[in-house]
Protein backbone atom coordinates (compact mmCIF):
# COMPACT_ATOMS: atom_id res chain seq x y z
CA MET A 1 34.77 -109.43 -117.51
CA HIS A 2 37.21 -110.89 -120.10
CA ALA A 3 38.68 -113.21 -117.30
CA MET A 4 35.22 -114.44 -116.42
CA THR A 5 34.38 -115.23 -120.12
CA ASP A 6 37.71 -117.24 -120.30
CA LEU A 7 36.74 -119.18 -117.17
CA THR A 8 33.31 -119.88 -118.50
CA THR A 9 34.75 -120.99 -121.72
CA LEU A 10 37.23 -123.16 -119.79
CA ASP A 11 34.46 -124.67 -117.77
CA SER A 12 32.40 -125.38 -120.85
CA ALA A 13 35.48 -127.03 -122.63
CA PHE A 14 36.32 -129.03 -119.47
CA TRP A 15 32.67 -130.57 -119.22
CA ILE A 16 32.46 -131.13 -122.96
CA THR A 17 35.72 -132.96 -122.85
CA ALA A 18 34.92 -134.83 -119.71
CA GLY A 19 31.44 -135.86 -121.39
CA ALA A 20 33.17 -136.97 -124.56
CA ILE A 21 35.63 -139.05 -122.41
CA LEU A 22 32.71 -140.80 -120.71
CA PHE A 23 30.98 -141.35 -123.99
CA LEU A 24 34.20 -142.95 -125.44
CA LEU A 25 34.45 -145.18 -122.30
CA VAL A 26 30.90 -146.43 -122.89
CA LEU A 27 31.81 -147.13 -126.60
CA SER A 28 34.95 -148.96 -125.49
CA GLY A 29 32.94 -151.16 -123.04
CA PHE A 30 30.56 -151.83 -125.88
CA PHE A 31 33.35 -153.01 -128.27
CA SER A 32 34.99 -155.14 -125.56
CA GLY A 33 31.76 -156.76 -124.48
CA SER A 34 30.78 -157.44 -127.96
CA GLU A 35 34.04 -158.87 -128.86
CA THR A 36 33.73 -161.28 -125.79
CA ALA A 37 30.13 -162.08 -126.44
CA LEU A 38 30.48 -162.86 -130.13
CA THR A 39 33.60 -165.02 -129.63
CA ALA A 40 32.35 -166.82 -126.57
CA ALA A 41 28.82 -167.49 -127.76
CA SER A 42 28.02 -171.07 -128.63
CA ARG A 43 27.25 -171.36 -132.44
CA GLY A 44 25.12 -174.34 -131.59
CA LYS A 45 23.00 -172.45 -129.13
CA LEU A 46 22.86 -169.44 -131.58
CA ARG A 47 21.63 -171.77 -134.40
CA SER A 48 18.91 -173.26 -132.06
CA GLN A 49 17.68 -169.76 -131.13
CA ALA A 50 17.84 -168.66 -134.79
CA ASP A 51 15.66 -171.66 -135.69
CA LYS A 52 13.13 -170.69 -133.13
CA GLY A 53 12.88 -167.22 -134.88
CA SER A 54 15.55 -165.03 -133.09
CA LYS A 55 16.70 -162.44 -135.83
CA GLY A 56 19.51 -161.28 -133.40
CA ALA A 57 20.93 -164.82 -133.10
CA ALA A 58 20.69 -165.21 -136.92
CA ARG A 59 22.69 -162.01 -137.30
CA ALA A 60 25.24 -163.07 -134.63
CA LEU A 61 25.72 -166.31 -136.67
CA SER A 62 26.15 -164.49 -139.85
CA ILE A 63 28.88 -161.96 -138.62
CA THR A 64 30.83 -164.76 -136.69
CA GLN A 65 31.28 -166.71 -140.05
CA ASP A 66 34.30 -164.55 -140.74
CA ASN A 67 35.96 -164.19 -137.22
CA GLU A 68 39.10 -162.58 -138.48
CA ARG A 69 37.05 -159.72 -140.13
CA LEU A 70 34.84 -159.50 -137.02
CA ILE A 71 37.69 -159.34 -134.54
CA GLY A 72 39.63 -156.89 -136.76
CA SER A 73 36.68 -154.43 -136.87
CA VAL A 74 35.89 -154.62 -133.19
CA LEU A 75 39.51 -154.24 -132.23
CA LEU A 76 39.88 -151.30 -134.48
CA GLY A 77 36.82 -149.61 -133.07
CA ASN A 78 38.02 -150.47 -129.45
CA ASN A 79 41.50 -149.03 -129.95
CA LEU A 80 40.20 -146.08 -131.79
CA VAL A 81 37.93 -144.97 -128.79
CA ASN A 82 40.46 -145.96 -126.11
CA ILE A 83 43.30 -143.91 -127.65
CA LEU A 84 41.04 -140.90 -128.35
CA ALA A 85 39.67 -141.07 -124.76
CA THR A 86 43.19 -141.26 -123.33
CA SER A 87 44.36 -138.39 -125.51
CA LEU A 88 41.46 -136.16 -124.51
CA ALA A 89 42.02 -137.11 -120.75
CA THR A 90 45.75 -136.25 -121.18
CA ALA A 91 44.94 -132.81 -122.66
CA LEU A 92 42.25 -132.14 -119.97
CA PHE A 93 44.51 -133.08 -117.02
CA THR A 94 47.63 -131.28 -118.42
CA GLN A 95 45.44 -128.11 -118.83
CA ALA A 96 44.24 -128.40 -115.23
CA PHE A 97 47.34 -129.67 -113.36
CA GLY A 98 50.33 -128.81 -115.66
CA GLU A 99 53.00 -131.42 -116.46
CA SER A 100 51.96 -133.78 -113.55
CA GLY A 101 48.66 -134.15 -115.50
CA VAL A 102 50.06 -136.69 -117.99
CA ALA A 103 50.88 -139.20 -115.02
CA LEU A 104 47.53 -138.45 -113.38
CA ALA A 105 45.73 -139.02 -116.79
CA THR A 106 47.53 -142.31 -117.20
CA LEU A 107 46.62 -143.55 -113.72
CA VAL A 108 42.97 -142.41 -113.89
CA MET A 109 42.37 -143.65 -117.48
CA THR A 110 43.97 -147.05 -116.77
CA LEU A 111 41.66 -147.58 -113.83
CA LEU A 112 38.50 -146.40 -115.79
CA VAL A 113 39.36 -148.36 -118.87
CA LEU A 114 40.23 -151.51 -116.82
CA ILE A 115 37.12 -151.41 -114.73
CA PHE A 116 34.32 -149.95 -116.90
CA ALA A 117 35.49 -150.62 -120.45
CA GLU A 118 37.11 -154.08 -120.16
CA VAL A 119 36.40 -156.06 -117.00
CA LEU A 120 32.83 -155.16 -116.27
CA PRO A 121 31.45 -155.48 -119.88
CA LYS A 122 33.50 -158.73 -120.57
CA THR A 123 32.35 -160.34 -117.41
CA TYR A 124 28.70 -159.55 -118.25
CA ALA A 125 29.23 -160.77 -121.84
CA ILE A 126 30.78 -164.05 -120.96
CA THR A 127 28.07 -164.72 -118.37
CA ASN A 128 25.30 -164.06 -120.89
CA ALA A 129 27.22 -164.65 -124.14
CA GLU A 130 24.29 -165.74 -126.45
CA THR A 131 21.92 -162.99 -125.18
CA ALA A 132 24.59 -160.32 -125.47
CA ALA A 133 25.77 -161.60 -128.86
CA SER A 134 22.11 -161.40 -130.24
CA ALA A 135 21.73 -157.86 -128.80
CA VAL A 136 24.96 -156.47 -130.26
CA ALA A 137 24.89 -158.20 -133.65
CA ARG A 138 22.97 -155.40 -135.50
CA PRO A 139 25.20 -152.50 -134.42
CA ILE A 140 28.34 -154.57 -134.74
CA SER A 141 27.42 -155.59 -138.35
CA VAL A 142 27.18 -152.01 -139.23
CA VAL A 143 30.72 -151.35 -137.56
CA VAL A 144 32.09 -154.41 -139.50
CA THR A 145 30.74 -152.85 -142.88
CA VAL A 146 32.07 -149.41 -142.13
CA PHE A 147 35.61 -150.57 -141.16
CA SER A 148 36.00 -153.47 -143.66
CA PRO A 149 38.18 -151.38 -146.03
CA VAL A 150 40.65 -150.69 -143.22
CA VAL A 151 40.33 -154.14 -141.85
CA ARG A 152 41.02 -155.64 -145.29
CA ALA A 153 44.23 -153.67 -145.54
CA VAL A 154 45.31 -154.64 -141.91
CA ARG A 155 44.54 -158.33 -142.70
CA VAL A 156 46.77 -158.30 -145.77
CA LEU A 157 49.56 -156.65 -143.73
CA VAL A 158 49.10 -159.06 -140.77
CA ARG A 159 49.26 -162.05 -143.04
CA GLY A 160 52.36 -160.76 -144.71
CA VAL A 161 54.15 -160.21 -141.31
CA LEU A 162 53.16 -163.67 -140.28
CA ARG A 163 54.31 -165.34 -143.41
CA LEU A 164 57.65 -163.83 -142.88
CA PHE A 165 57.67 -165.96 -139.66
CA GLY A 166 56.52 -169.03 -141.39
CA VAL A 167 52.95 -168.87 -140.06
CA LYS A 168 49.96 -169.63 -142.55
CA ILE A 169 46.44 -168.53 -141.69
CA ASP A 170 43.47 -170.39 -143.04
CA PRO A 171 40.30 -168.48 -142.07
CA GLY A 172 38.10 -171.32 -143.44
CA ALA A 173 39.70 -173.99 -141.14
CA ASN A 174 37.97 -174.68 -137.86
CA VAL A 175 40.19 -174.32 -134.88
CA LEU A 176 38.19 -177.08 -133.20
CA ALA A 177 36.38 -179.69 -135.07
CA VAL A 178 32.74 -179.96 -134.18
CA ARG A 179 33.14 -183.61 -133.07
CA GLU A 180 35.96 -182.74 -130.78
CA GLU A 181 33.99 -179.85 -129.36
CA ILE A 182 31.06 -182.01 -128.69
CA ALA A 183 33.32 -184.77 -127.17
CA GLY A 184 34.99 -182.24 -124.89
CA ALA A 185 31.84 -180.70 -123.75
CA LEU A 186 30.41 -184.22 -122.83
CA SER A 187 33.62 -185.21 -120.98
CA LEU A 188 33.52 -181.98 -119.04
CA GLY A 189 29.86 -182.40 -118.34
CA GLN A 190 30.48 -185.93 -117.06
CA GLN A 191 33.29 -184.77 -114.83
CA GLU A 192 31.07 -181.94 -113.44
CA GLY A 193 28.15 -184.39 -112.83
CA ILE A 194 25.90 -182.79 -115.33
CA VAL A 195 26.06 -185.62 -117.87
CA GLU A 196 25.72 -189.37 -116.97
CA LYS A 197 28.63 -191.55 -118.07
CA GLU A 198 26.14 -193.95 -120.01
CA ASP A 199 24.68 -190.88 -121.87
CA ARG A 200 28.28 -189.64 -122.72
CA ASP A 201 29.20 -193.05 -124.14
CA ARG A 202 26.04 -193.36 -126.17
CA ILE A 203 26.55 -190.13 -127.76
CA LEU A 204 30.24 -190.62 -128.39
CA GLY A 205 29.55 -194.08 -129.73
CA ALA A 206 27.20 -192.74 -132.31
CA LEU A 207 29.63 -189.94 -133.30
CA ASP A 208 32.45 -192.49 -133.61
CA LEU A 209 30.66 -194.79 -136.15
CA ALA A 210 32.04 -192.97 -139.13
CA ASP A 211 35.61 -193.38 -137.92
CA ARG A 212 35.53 -196.99 -137.19
CA THR A 213 35.56 -200.07 -139.43
CA VAL A 214 33.65 -203.39 -139.19
CA GLU A 215 37.09 -205.20 -138.70
CA GLU A 216 37.24 -203.53 -135.28
CA ILE A 217 34.08 -205.03 -133.87
CA MET A 218 33.41 -208.19 -135.98
CA LEU A 219 33.40 -211.57 -134.45
CA HIS A 220 36.54 -213.28 -135.62
CA ARG A 221 36.23 -216.36 -137.86
CA SER A 222 37.74 -218.49 -135.12
CA SER A 223 34.73 -217.97 -133.04
CA ILE A 224 31.94 -218.22 -135.63
CA GLU A 225 29.44 -221.16 -135.27
CA MET A 226 28.85 -222.71 -138.67
CA ILE A 227 27.01 -225.80 -140.01
CA ASP A 228 28.27 -228.11 -142.73
CA VAL A 229 25.72 -228.57 -145.38
CA ALA A 230 27.01 -232.08 -146.02
CA LEU A 231 25.69 -233.28 -142.56
CA PRO A 232 22.50 -235.33 -142.27
CA PRO A 233 19.34 -233.19 -141.95
CA SER A 234 18.69 -234.35 -138.44
CA ASP A 235 22.22 -233.20 -137.43
CA ILE A 236 21.78 -229.77 -139.06
CA LEU A 237 18.47 -229.31 -137.28
CA SER A 238 20.03 -230.39 -133.99
CA ALA A 239 23.06 -228.10 -134.42
CA ALA A 240 20.88 -225.10 -135.34
CA LEU A 241 18.48 -225.61 -132.48
CA GLN A 242 21.17 -226.13 -129.92
CA SER A 243 22.98 -222.86 -130.94
CA ARG A 244 22.02 -219.66 -129.17
CA HIS A 245 22.17 -217.70 -132.41
CA THR A 246 19.22 -217.05 -134.66
CA ARG A 247 21.33 -216.96 -137.97
CA LEU A 248 24.12 -219.40 -138.72
CA PRO A 249 26.36 -219.50 -141.84
CA LEU A 250 26.41 -222.75 -143.88
CA PHE A 251 29.62 -224.02 -145.43
CA ARG A 252 30.46 -226.65 -148.01
CA ASP A 253 33.80 -228.76 -147.90
CA GLU A 254 35.67 -226.06 -145.90
CA PRO A 255 34.70 -223.23 -143.47
CA GLU A 256 36.05 -220.61 -145.99
CA ASN A 257 33.35 -221.58 -148.52
CA ILE A 258 30.19 -220.05 -147.16
CA VAL A 259 27.21 -221.05 -149.33
CA GLY A 260 24.24 -219.62 -147.31
CA ILE A 261 22.79 -218.31 -144.09
CA ILE A 262 20.11 -220.23 -142.22
CA HIS A 263 17.60 -218.48 -140.06
CA ALA A 264 15.99 -220.33 -137.08
CA LYS A 265 12.45 -219.17 -138.19
CA ASP A 266 12.92 -220.60 -141.61
CA LEU A 267 14.08 -223.82 -140.10
CA ALA A 268 10.99 -223.97 -137.86
CA ARG A 269 8.73 -223.42 -140.95
CA ALA A 270 10.62 -226.22 -142.90
CA MET A 271 10.20 -228.48 -139.85
CA ASP A 272 6.47 -227.69 -139.69
CA ARG A 273 6.22 -228.77 -143.30
CA LEU A 274 8.25 -231.90 -142.61
CA VAL A 275 5.96 -233.04 -139.77
CA ARG A 276 3.92 -235.01 -142.27
CA LYS A 277 6.84 -235.91 -144.57
CA ASP A 278 10.18 -237.73 -144.30
CA ILE A 279 12.83 -235.66 -142.76
CA ALA A 280 15.40 -237.23 -145.21
CA GLU A 281 13.81 -235.22 -147.94
CA PHE A 282 15.03 -231.96 -146.10
CA GLU A 283 17.61 -229.85 -148.01
CA VAL A 284 18.88 -227.06 -145.83
CA LEU A 285 19.95 -224.89 -148.80
CA ASP A 286 16.29 -224.73 -150.01
CA VAL A 287 15.52 -222.61 -146.90
CA ALA A 288 18.88 -220.86 -146.70
CA MET A 289 19.40 -217.19 -147.57
CA GLU A 290 22.21 -215.83 -149.77
CA PRO A 291 25.29 -214.87 -147.83
CA TYR A 292 26.06 -211.07 -147.72
CA PHE A 293 29.78 -210.29 -147.84
CA ILE A 294 31.27 -206.91 -146.80
CA PRO A 295 34.99 -205.72 -146.79
CA GLU A 296 36.64 -205.36 -143.44
CA THR A 297 37.53 -201.70 -144.11
CA THR A 298 33.83 -200.63 -144.26
CA THR A 299 32.98 -197.87 -141.71
CA LEU A 300 30.30 -198.68 -139.09
CA ASP A 301 28.34 -195.65 -140.07
CA ASP A 302 28.16 -196.84 -143.80
CA GLN A 303 27.47 -200.40 -142.81
CA MET A 304 24.58 -199.53 -140.48
CA ARG A 305 23.01 -197.52 -143.36
CA GLU A 306 23.64 -200.53 -145.65
CA PHE A 307 21.95 -202.93 -143.14
CA LEU A 308 19.00 -200.61 -142.84
CA ARG A 309 18.78 -200.26 -146.56
CA ARG A 310 18.90 -203.87 -147.20
CA ARG A 311 16.76 -204.82 -144.28
CA ALA A 312 19.50 -207.09 -143.26
CA HIS A 313 20.97 -207.87 -139.87
CA PHE A 314 23.87 -210.22 -140.79
CA ALA A 315 27.02 -209.92 -142.87
CA LEU A 316 30.22 -211.90 -143.35
CA VAL A 317 33.49 -209.97 -143.38
CA VAL A 318 36.16 -210.59 -146.05
CA ASP A 319 39.66 -209.15 -146.61
CA GLU A 320 41.05 -207.72 -149.82
CA TYR A 321 41.59 -211.37 -151.11
CA GLY A 322 38.07 -212.42 -150.42
CA SER A 323 39.06 -214.66 -147.48
CA LEU A 324 36.68 -214.82 -144.52
CA GLN A 325 37.78 -212.69 -141.73
CA GLY A 326 34.75 -212.56 -139.41
CA LEU A 327 31.07 -211.95 -138.94
CA LEU A 328 29.15 -208.71 -138.08
CA THR A 329 25.55 -208.19 -137.09
CA LEU A 330 23.43 -204.97 -136.82
CA GLU A 331 23.33 -205.71 -133.07
CA ASP A 332 27.26 -205.39 -132.97
CA ILE A 333 27.00 -201.90 -134.38
CA LEU A 334 24.07 -200.90 -132.16
CA GLU A 335 26.06 -202.08 -129.01
CA GLU A 336 28.76 -199.50 -129.98
CA ILE A 337 26.18 -196.89 -129.26
CA VAL A 338 24.00 -198.29 -126.31
CA GLY A 339 26.37 -200.73 -124.79
CA GLU A 340 25.96 -204.52 -124.36
CA ILE A 341 22.67 -205.98 -125.61
CA THR A 342 21.69 -209.40 -124.04
CA ASP A 343 18.61 -211.55 -124.28
CA GLU A 344 17.30 -214.64 -122.53
CA PHE A 345 19.66 -216.94 -124.67
CA ASP A 346 22.82 -214.95 -123.76
CA HIS A 347 24.54 -216.86 -120.97
CA GLU A 348 28.11 -215.52 -121.48
CA GLU A 349 30.47 -214.78 -118.53
CA ASP A 350 31.55 -211.32 -117.85
CA GLU A 351 34.44 -210.34 -120.13
CA VAL A 352 35.75 -208.45 -117.17
CA ALA A 353 35.70 -209.78 -113.48
CA LYS A 354 37.43 -208.26 -110.50
CA THR A 355 39.79 -210.61 -108.67
CA PRO A 356 40.30 -210.47 -104.88
CA ASP A 357 43.61 -208.69 -105.23
CA GLY A 358 41.98 -205.79 -106.95
CA GLN A 359 42.96 -206.62 -110.50
CA TYR A 360 40.64 -207.26 -113.46
CA LEU A 361 40.41 -210.62 -115.30
CA VAL A 362 39.91 -209.74 -118.93
CA ASP A 363 39.09 -211.78 -121.88
CA GLY A 364 41.91 -211.46 -124.44
CA SER A 365 39.36 -211.03 -127.31
CA MET A 366 37.68 -208.04 -125.54
CA THR A 367 38.00 -204.81 -127.50
CA ILE A 368 40.06 -202.08 -125.95
CA ARG A 369 37.23 -199.77 -126.67
CA ASP A 370 34.84 -201.81 -124.52
CA LEU A 371 37.37 -202.11 -121.71
CA ASN A 372 37.98 -198.28 -121.75
CA ARG A 373 34.21 -197.64 -121.72
CA ALA A 374 33.68 -200.26 -118.82
CA HIS A 375 36.35 -198.58 -116.46
CA ASP A 376 36.68 -195.08 -118.05
CA TRP A 377 40.26 -195.90 -118.96
CA THR A 378 42.28 -194.46 -121.96
CA LEU A 379 44.20 -197.40 -123.45
CA PRO A 380 45.10 -196.47 -126.99
CA ASP A 381 43.30 -198.51 -129.80
CA ASP A 382 45.12 -197.13 -132.80
CA GLU A 383 47.52 -200.15 -133.21
CA ALA A 384 45.29 -202.97 -132.06
CA ASN A 385 41.57 -203.66 -131.50
CA THR A 386 41.70 -206.24 -128.76
CA VAL A 387 43.42 -206.33 -125.28
CA ALA A 388 45.52 -209.30 -126.39
CA GLY A 389 46.46 -207.62 -129.70
CA LEU A 390 47.62 -204.52 -127.62
CA VAL A 391 49.80 -206.60 -125.36
CA ILE A 392 51.32 -208.51 -128.34
CA HIS A 393 51.91 -205.24 -130.25
CA GLU A 394 53.63 -203.64 -127.24
CA ALA A 395 55.64 -206.63 -126.27
CA GLN A 396 56.70 -207.20 -129.89
CA MET A 397 56.33 -210.96 -129.36
CA ILE A 398 53.91 -213.82 -128.44
CA PRO A 399 54.07 -213.77 -124.67
CA THR A 400 54.01 -216.92 -122.46
CA VAL A 401 51.75 -217.57 -119.49
CA GLY A 402 52.95 -215.70 -116.50
CA GLN A 403 54.71 -212.98 -118.26
CA VAL A 404 54.01 -209.44 -117.00
CA PHE A 405 54.25 -206.17 -118.91
CA SER A 406 53.71 -202.51 -118.01
CA PHE A 407 52.77 -199.78 -120.46
CA HIS A 408 50.47 -196.84 -120.86
CA GLY A 409 50.10 -196.69 -117.10
CA PHE A 410 48.70 -200.33 -116.82
CA ARG A 411 50.10 -203.75 -115.74
CA PHE A 412 49.27 -206.73 -117.87
CA GLU A 413 49.75 -210.34 -116.76
CA VAL A 414 49.24 -213.18 -119.25
CA ILE A 415 47.01 -215.89 -117.31
CA GLU A 416 45.81 -218.32 -120.22
CA LYS A 417 46.93 -218.91 -123.70
CA GLU A 418 45.66 -221.23 -126.60
CA ALA A 419 48.34 -221.86 -129.18
CA ASN A 420 49.49 -218.25 -130.15
CA ARG A 421 46.24 -216.71 -128.95
CA ILE A 422 46.20 -214.96 -125.40
CA THR A 423 42.73 -215.82 -124.03
CA LYS A 424 42.86 -214.38 -120.39
CA LEU A 425 44.91 -211.47 -118.84
CA LYS A 426 45.01 -209.68 -115.50
CA VAL A 427 44.96 -205.99 -115.79
CA ARG A 428 45.35 -203.14 -113.39
CA ALA A 429 46.07 -199.39 -113.39
CA LEU A 430 49.47 -198.65 -111.98
């Protein structure tokens, strides 16, 4: 009778322990899946869901603000239940099988933990990251609150140990900047065929405006069409009407001295008034606008806002000494987002034409950025804005016609030159 009672007690203890182990494995799976879901979930998608009224997504966003605290709490809970489950299993198997129970418990628990507490929940969580993150946010927030004193002590200890090895932790710093995250996602999407190249270029172009200055895209002063206010009125009218541009700078004595901007529509109005008068009475400055000057270091983002605020489309770019450097229009900035904008008056040749030998004939004044966008190349644009500028920078000299250079995985051959300016190059990827 006594032996039977012991056996019943043993059986009861066995099943209670086994049930406890299974419960701990479920908890372990919950912690593992929660960690994966909350770290893998896109904060952008969670924000979108939270804006649509999802309380779970809002909680998930809140607890992922401090990732170090979140991961510390989840890992503490996960390790606690794993170690407890393994200890119980070892005791159970030792009681049932003697000394060989330790090895058996290790083998069985490794398989159970690996399959049911790690791989299975993590696979589900990473496949449905945002849904899982929203679902577990409430219980995990309770876990974080309960474990926060221990996690705080662990955090201090961890930082102290890392500091000994010269590693500094800044929890406020983003591991990946938002801009880089978006750029990476777009490039990945384009490679996988989900995002069109043109869409990628447009979005990246808009994101880049704050990092780029007007100096990089302005029309250089050597290429600006201007009108001398000292010319006879008939010559001024002819020059303005023959130009394909709507707005033209007016200079007095020397091209550096810009005194106004003439608009084709204002000219047309003035001509209409002069139909019944003598053209000799025409004074171009009477219908000209005040010139608008901007520094060459202004960012494109700021300049676009300024253009829109002023309701202006046209600015002259000057350096720190006030010397004219170039010309910039609102259209130039918009082209950085949407690509080349042409109208019925644009009859320019392609800046890039393919030659029969498979190379590309490139205008020296073409920006490196435009060339990269046209062919999906990755030529660096930190040291120079134009293709000609890049060749001169890399060659450390003014090349002569016919010279060939190879750098950054491309071959550059100088085809045409005017004075010290490279006007045409042949480019091909090596």
